[in-house]
Protein backbone atom coordinates (compact mmCIF):
# COMPACT_ATOMS: atom_id res chain seq x y z
CA MET A 1 77.23 83.42 132.51
CA ILE A 2 80.31 82.93 134.67
CA ARG A 3 83.52 84.42 133.28
CA PRO A 4 87.01 83.73 134.54
CA LYS A 5 88.70 86.49 136.51
CA GLY A 6 90.41 88.96 134.17
CA PHE A 7 88.25 87.99 131.17
CA ASP A 8 87.17 91.59 130.47
CA LYS A 9 90.77 92.81 130.63
CA LEU A 10 91.86 90.09 128.24
CA ARG A 11 89.05 90.93 125.84
CA ALA A 12 89.98 94.63 125.95
CA LEU A 13 93.64 93.81 125.37
CA LEU A 14 92.79 91.66 122.36
CA LEU A 15 90.59 94.41 120.96
CA VAL A 16 93.35 97.01 121.31
CA GLY A 17 95.85 94.61 119.72
CA GLY A 18 93.52 94.06 116.78
CA VAL A 19 93.03 97.77 116.29
CA LEU A 20 96.77 98.41 116.37
CA THR A 21 97.42 95.64 113.89
CA THR A 22 94.80 97.03 111.53
CA ALA A 23 96.09 100.59 111.94
CA SER A 24 99.65 99.58 111.13
CA GLY A 25 98.40 98.02 107.89
CA CYS A 26 96.72 101.29 106.98
CA GLY A 27 99.97 103.18 107.61
CA ASN A 28 101.70 101.11 104.99
CA ALA A 29 98.94 101.81 102.47
CA LEU A 30 98.96 105.55 103.23
CA TYR A 31 102.72 105.66 102.80
CA ALA A 32 102.51 103.76 99.51
CA VAL A 33 100.01 106.26 98.09
CA ALA A 34 102.03 109.28 99.28
CA ALA A 35 105.34 107.85 98.05
CA ASN A 36 103.92 106.95 94.64
CA SER A 37 102.54 110.44 94.19
CA ALA A 38 105.77 112.08 95.35
CA SER A 39 107.87 109.85 93.12
CA THR A 40 105.76 110.79 90.11
CA LYS A 41 106.16 114.49 90.89
CA VAL A 42 109.93 114.19 91.40
CA GLU A 43 110.22 112.47 88.02
CA GLU A 44 108.14 115.20 86.39
CA ALA A 45 110.38 117.83 87.96
CA ARG A 46 113.45 116.01 86.66
CA GLU A 47 112.00 115.91 83.13
CA LEU A 48 111.40 119.68 83.27
CA GLY A 49 115.01 120.32 84.22
CA ALA A 50 114.32 121.26 87.83
CA GLU A 51 117.82 120.07 88.75
CA GLN A 52 119.03 123.17 86.93
CA TYR A 53 116.14 125.62 87.33
CA ALA A 54 114.96 124.81 90.86
CA THR A 55 117.97 123.13 92.41
CA TYR A 56 117.07 123.73 96.06
CA ASP A 57 113.50 122.44 95.91
CA PHE A 58 114.43 119.58 93.62
CA TYR A 59 117.17 118.53 96.04
CA LEU A 60 114.79 118.75 99.01
CA ALA A 61 112.19 116.69 97.17
CA THR A 62 114.64 113.92 96.32
CA GLU A 63 116.16 113.85 99.80
CA HIS A 64 112.76 113.78 101.53
CA LEU A 65 111.64 110.97 99.25
CA GLN A 66 114.81 108.99 99.93
CA LYS A 67 114.40 109.48 103.70
CA ALA A 68 110.74 108.42 103.42
CA GLN A 69 111.87 105.18 101.78
CA THR A 70 114.36 104.61 104.60
CA GLU A 71 111.69 105.18 107.25
CA ALA A 72 109.29 102.83 105.46
CA SER A 73 111.95 100.12 105.31
CA GLU A 74 112.10 100.40 109.11
CA ALA A 75 108.28 100.13 109.30
CA ASP A 76 107.91 103.72 110.51
CA TYR A 77 105.06 104.42 108.12
CA GLY A 78 103.72 107.56 109.81
CA ASP A 79 107.01 109.42 109.43
CA ALA A 80 107.51 107.91 105.98
CA ALA A 81 104.14 109.23 104.80
CA ASP A 82 104.88 112.70 106.24
CA LEU A 83 108.25 112.80 104.50
CA ALA A 84 106.70 111.67 101.22
CA GLU A 85 104.13 114.47 101.47
CA GLN A 86 106.93 116.99 102.08
CA ALA A 87 108.79 115.56 99.09
CA GLU A 88 105.71 116.07 96.94
CA ALA A 89 105.31 119.66 98.11
CA HIS A 90 108.93 120.47 97.21
CA ALA A 91 108.58 118.67 93.89
CA ASP A 92 105.47 120.73 93.11
CA LYS A 93 107.41 123.92 93.81
CA ALA A 94 110.34 122.70 91.69
CA ILE A 95 107.93 121.94 88.84
CA ARG A 96 106.41 125.41 89.08
CA LEU A 97 109.82 127.10 89.14
CA ALA A 98 111.09 125.03 86.21
CA ARG A 99 108.01 125.87 84.15
CA GLU A 100 108.43 129.56 84.95
CA ALA A 101 112.08 129.37 83.87
CA HIS A 102 111.03 127.73 80.59
CA ARG A 103 108.45 130.46 79.96
CA GLY A 104 111.03 133.14 80.73
CA ALA A 105 113.43 131.57 78.26
CA GLY A 106 110.77 131.52 75.57
CA ARG A 107 110.39 127.73 75.42
């Protein structure tokens, strides 16, 4: 079979383009999962009164989540997912601290 000059390079370029397109779609899905989980945790922390009992971690959780949403709106899904995961970690700590404060207060 006779192929035009540069055919293999074109085929490789198309393959790389397809992989990048697919990977960017996955980034959006990964961010969506991380952001949903973080948002749920931040809301749980809020319901437990973490704004009062774990102010620092609650603030960090909300700010990281807000920044994640900004990054996602700019299609920077890798950073957005990382920020959402950090938000969830701070929300988890805020939840733990709020629960400990409730136990200490006899609630």
